[in-house]
Amino acid sequence: MLVTSVADQGPGIDSIDQNMIFDSFTAGAASASRAGHRHGPRIAKAIVEAHGGTISLTTQPGRGSVFSFTLRWLGNGAPGRHASVQYSRF
């Protein structure tokens, strides 16, 4: 399995919105006031699940969030081999 995580240092996601962030047609009360937070998580979930993977969220309100997803590894590398890549905003 390939595991990828994307982290930010944003405002985090409140507990009410965490329960429905991946649900279709649900933006959540807190995210409704912030542009760009309505469709991304559910679109990402649909893409990941269409490829046989899973997606999850870990968040701390006021400190940021980590979205992680898994996909089946179809590459030539050895199973269980891990790669780490870090990106940061400028």
PDB file of N, CA and C in Angstrom:
ATOM      1  N   MET A   1       0.829  -1.170   0.000  1.00  0.00           N
ATOM      2  CA  MET A   1       0.000   0.000   0.000  1.00  0.00           C
ATOM      3  C   MET A   1       0.879   1.241   0.000  1.00  0.00           C
ATOM      4  N   LEU A   2       0.428   2.216  -0.704  1.00  0.00           N
ATOM      5  CA  LEU A   2       1.068   3.526  -0.720  1.00  0.00           C
ATOM      6  C   LEU A   2       0.277   4.422   0.211  1.00  0.00           C
ATOM      7  N   VAL A   3       0.930   5.035   1.182  1.00  0.00           N
ATOM      8  CA  VAL A   3       0.270   5.939   2.112  1.00  0.00           C
ATOM      9  C   VAL A   3       0.810   7.344   1.870  1.00  0.00           C
ATOM     10  N   THR A   4      -0.091   8.297   1.653  1.00  0.00           N
ATOM     11  CA  THR A   4       0.286   9.686   1.421  1.00  0.00           C
ATOM     12  C   THR A   4      -0.471  10.560   2.405  1.00  0.00           C
ATOM     13  N   SER A   5       0.229  11.522   2.988  1.00  0.00           N
ATOM     14  CA  SER A   5      -0.398  12.459   3.922  1.00  0.00           C
ATOM     15  C   SER A   5      -0.095  13.874   3.484  1.00  0.00           C
ATOM     16  N   VAL A   6      -1.095  14.731   3.649  1.00  0.00           N
ATOM     17  CA  VAL A   6      -0.949  16.150   3.344  1.00  0.00           C
ATOM     18  C   VAL A   6      -1.333  16.905   4.609  1.00  0.00           C
ATOM     19  N   ALA A   7      -0.414  17.731   5.103  1.00  0.00           N
ATOM     20  CA  ALA A   7      -0.642  18.468   6.341  1.00  0.00           C
ATOM     21  C   ALA A   7      -0.654  19.963   6.073  1.00  0.00           C
ATOM     22  N   ASP A   8      -1.397  20.688   6.910  1.00  0.00           N
ATOM     23  CA  ASP A   8      -1.363  22.142   6.842  1.00  0.00           C
ATOM     24  C   ASP A   8      -1.291  22.707   8.251  1.00  0.00           C
ATOM     25  N   GLN A   9      -1.085  23.991   8.349  1.00  0.00           N
ATOM     26  CA  GLN A   9      -1.040  24.662   9.641  1.00  0.00           C
ATOM     27  C   GLN A   9      -2.170  25.677   9.717  1.00  0.00           C
ATOM     28  N   GLY A  10      -3.300  25.319   9.121  1.00  0.00           N
ATOM     29  CA  GLY A  10      -4.461  26.199   9.093  1.00  0.00           C
ATOM     30  C   GLY A  10      -5.232  26.163  10.394  1.00  0.00           C
ATOM     31  N   PRO A  11      -6.486  26.611  10.331  1.00  0.00           N
ATOM     32  CA  PRO A  11      -7.296  26.712  11.543  1.00  0.00           C
ATOM     33  C   PRO A  11      -7.802  25.374  12.076  1.00  0.00           C
ATOM     34  N   GLY A  12      -7.594  24.296  11.354  1.00  0.00           N
ATOM     35  CA  GLY A  12      -8.123  23.008  11.764  1.00  0.00           C
ATOM     36  C   GLY A  12      -9.597  22.909  11.425  1.00  0.00           C
ATOM     37  N   ILE A  13     -10.214  21.817  11.789  1.00  0.00           N
ATOM     38  CA  ILE A  13     -11.615  21.564  11.470  1.00  0.00           C
ATOM     39  C   ILE A  13     -12.323  21.207  12.760  1.00  0.00           C
ATOM     40  N   ASP A  14     -13.405  21.924  13.059  1.00  0.00           N
ATOM     41  CA  ASP A  14     -14.084  21.677  14.333  1.00  0.00           C
ATOM     42  C   ASP A  14     -14.737  20.295  14.356  1.00  0.00           C
ATOM     43  N   SER A  15     -15.054  19.829  15.550  1.00  0.00           N
ATOM     44  CA  SER A  15     -15.531  18.460  15.729  1.00  0.00           C
ATOM     45  C   SER A  15     -16.842  18.190  14.995  1.00  0.00           C
ATOM     46  N   ILE A  16     -17.713  19.162  14.872  1.00  0.00           N
ATOM     47  CA  ILE A  16     -18.969  18.972  14.153  1.00  0.00           C
ATOM     48  C   ILE A  16     -18.692  18.706  12.677  1.00  0.00           C
ATOM     49  N   ASP A  17     -17.825  19.511  12.077  1.00  0.00           N
ATOM     50  CA  ASP A  17     -17.512  19.359  10.652  1.00  0.00           C
ATOM     51  C   ASP A  17     -16.691  18.110  10.367  1.00  0.00           C
ATOM     52  N   GLN A  18     -15.882  17.639  11.328  1.00  0.00           N
ATOM     53  CA  GLN A  18     -15.077  16.434  11.113  1.00  0.00           C
ATOM     54  C   GLN A  18     -15.935  15.233  10.770  1.00  0.00           C
ATOM     55  N   ASN A  19     -17.095  15.143  11.389  1.00  0.00           N
ATOM     56  CA  ASN A  19     -17.970  13.995  11.173  1.00  0.00           C
ATOM     57  C   ASN A  19     -18.601  13.967   9.797  1.00  0.00           C
ATOM     58  N   MET A  20     -18.632  15.113   9.093  1.00  0.00           N
ATOM     59  CA  MET A  20     -19.321  15.136   7.803  1.00  0.00           C
ATOM     60  C   MET A  20     -18.487  15.708   6.673  1.00  0.00           C
ATOM     61  N   ILE A  21     -17.198  15.890   6.882  1.00  0.00           N
ATOM     62  CA  ILE A  21     -16.377  16.546   5.874  1.00  0.00           C
ATOM     63  C   ILE A  21     -16.286  15.760   4.562  1.00  0.00           C
ATOM     64  N   PHE A  22     -16.406  14.446   4.617  1.00  0.00           N
ATOM     65  CA  PHE A  22     -16.321  13.635   3.406  1.00  0.00           C
ATOM     66  C   PHE A  22     -17.695  13.303   2.822  1.00  0.00           C
ATOM     67  N   ASP A  23     -18.765  13.736   3.485  1.00  0.00           N
ATOM     68  CA  ASP A  23     -20.116  13.433   3.017  1.00  0.00           C
ATOM     69  C   ASP A  23     -20.472  14.253   1.783  1.00  0.00           C
ATOM     70  N   SER A  24     -21.204  13.645   0.880  1.00  0.00           N
ATOM     71  CA  SER A  24     -21.674  14.339  -0.309  1.00  0.00           C
ATOM     72  C   SER A  24     -22.704  15.400   0.070  1.00  0.00           C
ATOM     73  N   PHE A  25     -22.604  16.525  -0.592  1.00  0.00           N
ATOM     74  CA  PHE A  25     -23.561  17.618  -0.459  1.00  0.00           C
ATOM     75  C   PHE A  25     -23.632  18.200   0.939  1.00  0.00           C
ATOM     76  N   THR A  26     -22.585  18.056   1.711  1.00  0.00           N
ATOM     77  CA  THR A  26     -22.533  18.626   3.047  1.00  0.00           C
ATOM     78  C   THR A  26     -21.241  19.409   3.183  1.00  0.00           C
ATOM     79  N   ALA A  27     -21.367  20.689   3.451  1.00  0.00           N
ATOM     80  CA  ALA A  27     -20.174  21.515   3.604  1.00  0.00           C
ATOM     81  C   ALA A  27     -19.782  21.677   5.065  1.00  0.00           C
ATOM     82  N   GLY A  28     -20.728  21.588   5.965  1.00  0.00           N
ATOM     83  CA  GLY A  28     -20.428  21.814   7.368  1.00  0.00           C
ATOM     84  C   GLY A  28     -20.636  23.270   7.726  1.00  0.00           C
ATOM     85  N   ALA A  29     -21.020  23.512   8.940  1.00  0.00           N
ATOM     86  CA  ALA A  29     -21.363  24.860   9.374  1.00  0.00           C
ATOM     87  C   ALA A  29     -20.170  25.800   9.333  1.00  0.00           C
ATOM     88  N   ALA A  30     -19.051  25.376   9.874  1.00  0.00           N
ATOM     89  CA  ALA A  30     -17.885  26.254   9.954  1.00  0.00           C
ATOM     90  C   ALA A  30     -17.249  26.481   8.588  1.00  0.00           C
ATOM     91  N   SER A  31     -17.213  25.453   7.742  1.00  0.00           N
ATOM     92  CA  SER A  31     -16.543  25.596   6.446  1.00  0.00           C
ATOM     93  C   SER A  31     -17.384  26.359   5.438  1.00  0.00           C
ATOM     94  N   ALA A  32     -18.680  26.505   5.686  1.00  0.00           N
ATOM     95  CA  ALA A  32     -19.547  27.202   4.733  1.00  0.00           C
ATOM     96  C   ALA A  32     -19.133  28.647   4.547  1.00  0.00           C
ATOM     97  N   SER A  33     -18.501  29.228   5.542  1.00  0.00           N
ATOM     98  CA  SER A  33     -18.096  30.624   5.445  1.00  0.00           C
ATOM     99  C   SER A  33     -16.723  30.798   4.801  1.00  0.00           C
ATOM    100  N   ARG A  34     -16.006  29.708   4.543  1.00  0.00           N
ATOM    101  CA  ARG A  34     -14.671  29.795   3.943  1.00  0.00           C
ATOM    102  C   ARG A  34     -14.712  29.206   2.549  1.00  0.00           C
ATOM    103  N   ALA A  35     -14.392  30.026   1.568  1.00  0.00           N
ATOM    104  CA  ALA A  35     -14.411  29.570   0.175  1.00  0.00           C
ATOM    105  C   ALA A  35     -13.411  28.441  -0.030  1.00  0.00           C
ATOM    106  N   GLY A  36     -13.780  27.471  -0.869  1.00  0.00           N
ATOM    107  CA  GLY A  36     -12.856  26.413  -1.238  1.00  0.00           C
ATOM    108  C   GLY A  36     -12.872  25.189  -0.346  1.00  0.00           C
ATOM    109  N   HIS A  37     -13.676  25.185   0.690  1.00  0.00           N
ATOM    110  CA  HIS A  37     -13.693  24.062   1.620  1.00  0.00           C
ATOM    111  C   HIS A  37     -14.933  23.182   1.469  1.00  0.00           C
ATOM    112  N   ARG A  38     -15.700  23.361   0.437  1.00  0.00           N
ATOM    113  CA  ARG A  38     -16.960  22.653   0.326  1.00  0.00           C
ATOM    114  C   ARG A  38     -16.839  21.326  -0.413  1.00  0.00           C
ATOM    115  N   HIS A  39     -16.128  21.286  -1.513  1.00  0.00           N
ATOM    116  CA  HIS A  39     -16.162  20.105  -2.363  1.00  0.00           C
ATOM    117  C   HIS A  39     -14.881  19.286  -2.364  1.00  0.00           C
ATOM    118  N   GLY A  40     -13.761  19.878  -2.021  1.00  0.00           N
ATOM    119  CA  GLY A  40     -12.475  19.190  -2.100  1.00  0.00           C
ATOM    120  C   GLY A  40     -12.402  17.858  -1.387  1.00  0.00           C
ATOM    121  N   PRO A  41     -12.758  17.790  -0.099  1.00  0.00           N
ATOM    122  CA  PRO A  41     -12.654  16.516   0.609  1.00  0.00           C
ATOM    123  C   PRO A  41     -13.538  15.419   0.021  1.00  0.00           C
ATOM    124  N   ARG A  42     -14.753  15.739  -0.378  1.00  0.00           N
ATOM    125  CA  ARG A  42     -15.617  14.684  -0.927  1.00  0.00           C
ATOM    126  C   ARG A  42     -15.167  14.256  -2.314  1.00  0.00           C
ATOM    127  N   ILE A  43     -14.605  15.173  -3.097  1.00  0.00           N
ATOM    128  CA  ILE A  43     -14.062  14.815  -4.410  1.00  0.00           C
ATOM    129  C   ILE A  43     -12.835  13.921  -4.222  1.00  0.00           C
ATOM    130  N   ALA A  44     -11.961  14.301  -3.277  1.00  0.00           N
ATOM    131  CA  ALA A  44     -10.778  13.484  -2.989  1.00  0.00           C
ATOM    132  C   ALA A  44     -11.190  12.085  -2.543  1.00  0.00           C
ATOM    133  N   LYS A  45     -12.208  11.983  -1.691  1.00  0.00           N
ATOM    134  CA  LYS A  45     -12.684  10.677  -1.232  1.00  0.00           C
ATOM    135  C   LYS A  45     -13.183   9.843  -2.405  1.00  0.00           C
ATOM    136  N   ALA A  46     -13.933  10.451  -3.307  1.00  0.00           N
ATOM    137  CA  ALA A  46     -14.463   9.711  -4.459  1.00  0.00           C
ATOM    138  C   ALA A  46     -13.332   9.185  -5.340  1.00  0.00           C
ATOM    139  N   ILE A  47     -12.315   9.991  -5.564  1.00  0.00           N
ATOM    140  CA  ILE A  47     -11.179   9.575  -6.405  1.00  0.00           C
ATOM    141  C   ILE A  47     -10.407   8.441  -5.731  1.00  0.00           C
ATOM    142  N   VAL A  48     -10.086   8.628  -4.450  1.00  0.00           N
ATOM    143  CA  VAL A  48      -9.318   7.613  -3.718  1.00  0.00           C
ATOM    144  C   VAL A  48     -10.079   6.290  -3.658  1.00  0.00           C
ATOM    145  N   GLU A  49     -11.361   6.345  -3.337  1.00  0.00           N
ATOM    146  CA  GLU A  49     -12.144   5.110  -3.249  1.00  0.00           C
ATOM    147  C   GLU A  49     -12.338   4.451  -4.609  1.00  0.00           C
ATOM    148  N   ALA A  50     -12.397   5.245  -5.674  1.00  0.00           N
ATOM    149  CA  ALA A  50     -12.513   4.677  -7.018  1.00  0.00           C
ATOM    150  C   ALA A  50     -11.274   3.864  -7.383  1.00  0.00           C
ATOM    151  N   HIS A  51     -10.162   4.148  -6.722  1.00  0.00           N
ATOM    152  CA  HIS A  51      -8.917   3.422  -6.957  1.00  0.00           C
ATOM    153  C   HIS A  51      -8.638   2.403  -5.859  1.00  0.00           C
ATOM    154  N   GLY A  52      -9.654   2.077  -5.077  1.00  0.00           N
ATOM    155  CA  GLY A  52      -9.515   1.037  -4.064  1.00  0.00           C
ATOM    156  C   GLY A  52      -8.839   1.472  -2.786  1.00  0.00           C
ATOM    157  N   GLY A  53      -8.771   2.763  -2.536  1.00  0.00           N
ATOM    158  CA  GLY A  53      -8.085   3.248  -1.352  1.00  0.00           C
ATOM    159  C   GLY A  53      -9.018   3.755  -0.275  1.00  0.00           C
ATOM    160  N   THR A  54      -8.419   4.310   0.757  1.00  0.00           N
ATOM    161  CA  THR A  54      -9.163   4.905   1.868  1.00  0.00           C
ATOM    162  C   THR A  54      -8.596   6.281   2.157  1.00  0.00           C
ATOM    163  N   ILE A  55      -9.392   7.133   2.788  1.00  0.00           N
ATOM    164  CA  ILE A  55      -8.942   8.478   3.138  1.00  0.00           C
ATOM    165  C   ILE A  55      -9.383   8.773   4.564  1.00  0.00           C
ATOM    166  N   SER A  56      -8.572   9.528   5.295  1.00  0.00           N
ATOM    167  CA  SER A  56      -8.893   9.839   6.683  1.00  0.00           C
ATOM    168  C   SER A  56      -8.419  11.248   7.030  1.00  0.00           C
ATOM    169  N   LEU A  57      -8.884  11.730   8.159  1.00  0.00           N
ATOM    170  CA  LEU A  57      -8.567  13.077   8.626  1.00  0.00           C
ATOM    171  C   LEU A  57      -8.147  13.026  10.084  1.00  0.00           C
ATOM    172  N   THR A  58      -7.079  13.735  10.401  1.00  0.00           N
ATOM    173  CA  THR A  58      -6.673  13.991  11.777  1.00  0.00           C
ATOM    174  C   THR A  58      -6.541  15.502  11.883  1.00  0.00           C
ATOM    175  N   THR A  59      -7.148  16.102  12.890  1.00  0.00           N
ATOM    176  CA  THR A  59      -7.110  17.557  12.990  1.00  0.00           C
ATOM    177  C   THR A  59      -7.080  18.020  14.430  1.00  0.00           C
ATOM    178  N   GLN A  60      -6.485  19.180  14.622  1.00  0.00           N
ATOM    179  CA  GLN A  60      -6.489  19.844  15.915  1.00  0.00           C
ATOM    180  C   GLN A  60      -6.930  21.279  15.659  1.00  0.00           C
ATOM    181  N   PRO A  61      -8.158  21.628  16.036  1.00  0.00           N
ATOM    182  CA  PRO A  61      -8.614  22.997  15.810  1.00  0.00           C
ATOM    183  C   PRO A  61      -7.611  24.016  16.346  1.00  0.00           C
ATOM    184  N   GLY A  62      -7.289  24.978  15.513  1.00  0.00           N
ATOM    185  CA  GLY A  62      -6.312  26.001  15.861  1.00  0.00           C
ATOM    186  C   GLY A  62      -4.878  25.634  15.526  1.00  0.00           C
ATOM    187  N   ARG A  63      -4.628  24.374  15.125  1.00  0.00           N
ATOM    188  CA  ARG A  63      -3.265  23.937  14.855  1.00  0.00           C
ATOM    189  C   ARG A  63      -3.067  23.338  13.479  1.00  0.00           C
ATOM    190  N   GLY A  64      -4.141  22.902  12.812  1.00  0.00           N
ATOM    191  CA  GLY A  64      -3.998  22.345  11.479  1.00  0.00           C
ATOM    192  C   GLY A  64      -4.593  20.964  11.331  1.00  0.00           C
ATOM    193  N   SER A  65      -4.504  20.435  10.117  1.00  0.00           N
ATOM    194  CA  SER A  65      -5.100  19.142   9.787  1.00  0.00           C
ATOM    195  C   SER A  65      -4.138  18.298   8.970  1.00  0.00           C
ATOM    196  N   VAL A  66      -4.352  16.994   9.019  1.00  0.00           N
ATOM    197  CA  VAL A  66      -3.603  16.049   8.195  1.00  0.00           C
ATOM    198  C   VAL A  66      -4.622  15.151   7.505  1.00  0.00           C
ATOM    199  N   PHE A  67      -4.634  15.188   6.176  1.00  0.00           N
ATOM    200  CA  PHE A  67      -5.442  14.273   5.382  1.00  0.00           C
ATOM    201  C   PHE A  67      -4.501  13.173   4.901  1.00  0.00           C
ATOM    202  N   SER A  68      -4.871  11.918   5.117  1.00  0.00           N
ATOM    203  CA  SER A  68      -4.051  10.787   4.689  1.00  0.00           C
ATOM    204  C   SER A  68      -4.889   9.881   3.807  1.00  0.00           C
ATOM    205  N   PHE A  69      -4.244   9.321   2.789  1.00  0.00           N
ATOM    206  CA  PHE A  69      -4.957   8.344   1.979  1.00  0.00           C
ATOM    207  C   PHE A  69      -4.041   7.197   1.609  1.00  0.00           C
ATOM    208  N   THR A  70      -4.652   6.039   1.388  1.00  0.00           N
ATOM    209  CA  THR A  70      -3.916   4.853   0.975  1.00  0.00           C
ATOM    210  C   THR A  70      -4.396   4.426  -0.396  1.00  0.00           C
ATOM    211  N   LEU A  71      -3.483   3.888  -1.168  1.00  0.00           N
ATOM    212  CA  LEU A  71      -3.786   3.324  -2.479  1.00  0.00           C
ATOM    213  C   LEU A  71      -3.012   2.022  -2.622  1.00  0.00           C
ATOM    214  N   ARG A  72      -3.535   1.137  -3.431  1.00  0.00           N
ATOM    215  CA  ARG A  72      -2.791  -0.094  -3.713  1.00  0.00           C
ATOM    216  C   ARG A  72      -1.529   0.271  -4.485  1.00  0.00           C
ATOM    217  N   TRP A  73      -0.425  -0.319  -4.113  1.00  0.00           N
ATOM    218  CA  TRP A  73       0.855  -0.054  -4.772  1.00  0.00           C
ATOM    219  C   TRP A  73       0.987  -0.971  -5.975  1.00  0.00           C
ATOM    220  N   LEU A  74       1.099  -0.380  -7.160  1.00  0.00           N
ATOM    221  CA  LEU A  74       1.227  -1.158  -8.384  1.00  0.00           C
ATOM    222  C   LEU A  74       2.592  -0.962  -9.032  1.00  0.00           C
ATOM    223  N   GLY A  75       3.496  -0.296  -8.322  1.00  0.00           N
ATOM    224  CA  GLY A  75       4.816  -0.009  -8.869  1.00  0.00           C
ATOM    225  C   GLY A  75       5.736  -1.214  -8.848  1.00  0.00           C
ATOM    226  N   ASN A  76       6.946  -1.007  -9.326  1.00  0.00           N
ATOM    227  CA  ASN A  76       7.935  -2.077  -9.399  1.00  0.00           C
ATOM    228  C   ASN A  76       8.732  -2.244  -8.120  1.00  0.00           C
ATOM    229  N   GLY A  77       8.586  -1.316  -7.183  1.00  0.00           N
ATOM    230  CA  GLY A  77       9.349  -1.390  -5.946  1.00  0.00           C
ATOM    231  C   GLY A  77       8.882  -2.527  -5.061  1.00  0.00           C
ATOM    232  N   ALA A  78       9.693  -2.840  -4.081  1.00  0.00           N
ATOM    233  CA  ALA A  78       9.364  -3.926  -3.156  1.00  0.00           C
ATOM    234  C   ALA A  78       8.153  -3.548  -2.308  1.00  0.00           C
ATOM    235  N   PRO A  79       7.248  -4.484  -2.052  1.00  0.00           N
ATOM    236  CA  PRO A  79       6.111  -4.199  -1.173  1.00  0.00           C
ATOM    237  C   PRO A  79       6.596  -3.757   0.198  1.00  0.00           C
ATOM    238  N   GLY A  80       5.908  -2.823   0.775  1.00  0.00           N
ATOM    239  CA  GLY A  80       6.271  -2.349   2.103  1.00  0.00           C
ATOM    240  C   GLY A  80       7.338  -1.273   2.092  1.00  0.00           C
ATOM    241  N   ARG A  81       7.873  -0.947   0.951  1.00  0.00           N
ATOM    242  CA  ARG A  81       8.887   0.096   0.871  1.00  0.00           C
ATOM    243  C   ARG A  81       8.201   1.445   1.023  1.00  0.00           C
ATOM    244  N   HIS A  82       8.769   2.320   1.812  1.00  0.00           N
ATOM    245  CA  HIS A  82       8.155   3.613   2.081  1.00  0.00           C
ATOM    246  C   HIS A  82       9.031   4.736   1.552  1.00  0.00           C
ATOM    247  N   ALA A  83       8.371   5.748   1.073  1.00  0.00           N
ATOM    248  CA  ALA A  83       9.066   6.960   0.642  1.00  0.00           C
ATOM    249  C   ALA A  83       8.472   8.121   1.408  1.00  0.00           C
ATOM    250  N   SER A  84       9.268   9.107   1.705  1.00  0.00           N
ATOM    251  CA  SER A  84       8.785  10.266   2.434  1.00  0.00           C
ATOM    252  C   SER A  84       9.105  11.521   1.636  1.00  0.00           C
ATOM    253  N   VAL A  85       8.106  12.318   1.420  1.00  0.00           N
ATOM    254  CA  VAL A  85       8.273  13.588   0.712  1.00  0.00           C
ATOM    255  C   VAL A  85       7.586  14.651   1.540  1.00  0.00           C
ATOM    256  N   GLN A  86       8.272  15.757   1.776  1.00  0.00           N
ATOM    257  CA  GLN A  86       7.677  16.855   2.526  1.00  0.00           C
ATOM    258  C   GLN A  86       7.642  18.097   1.660  1.00  0.00           C
ATOM    259  N   TYR A  87       6.510  18.770   1.704  1.00  0.00           N
ATOM    260  CA  TYR A  87       6.335  20.035   1.007  1.00  0.00           C
ATOM    261  C   TYR A  87       5.977  21.091   2.034  1.00  0.00           C
ATOM    262  N   SER A  88       6.418  22.289   1.805  1.00  0.00           N
ATOM    263  CA  SER A  88       6.014  23.370   2.696  1.00  0.00           C
ATOM    264  C   SER A  88       5.601  24.571   1.868  1.00  0.00           C
ATOM    265  N   ARG A  89       4.728  25.377   2.452  1.00  0.00           N
ATOM    266  CA  ARG A  89       4.292  26.587   1.766  1.00  0.00           C
ATOM    267  C   ARG A  89       5.344  27.671   1.947  1.00  0.00           C
ATOM    268  N   PHE A  90       5.475  28.511   0.947  1.00  0.00           N
ATOM    269  CA  PHE A  90       6.444  29.607   1.017  1.00  0.00           C
ATOM    270  C   PHE A  90       5.816  30.820   1.631  1.00  0.00           C
TER     271      PHE A  90
END
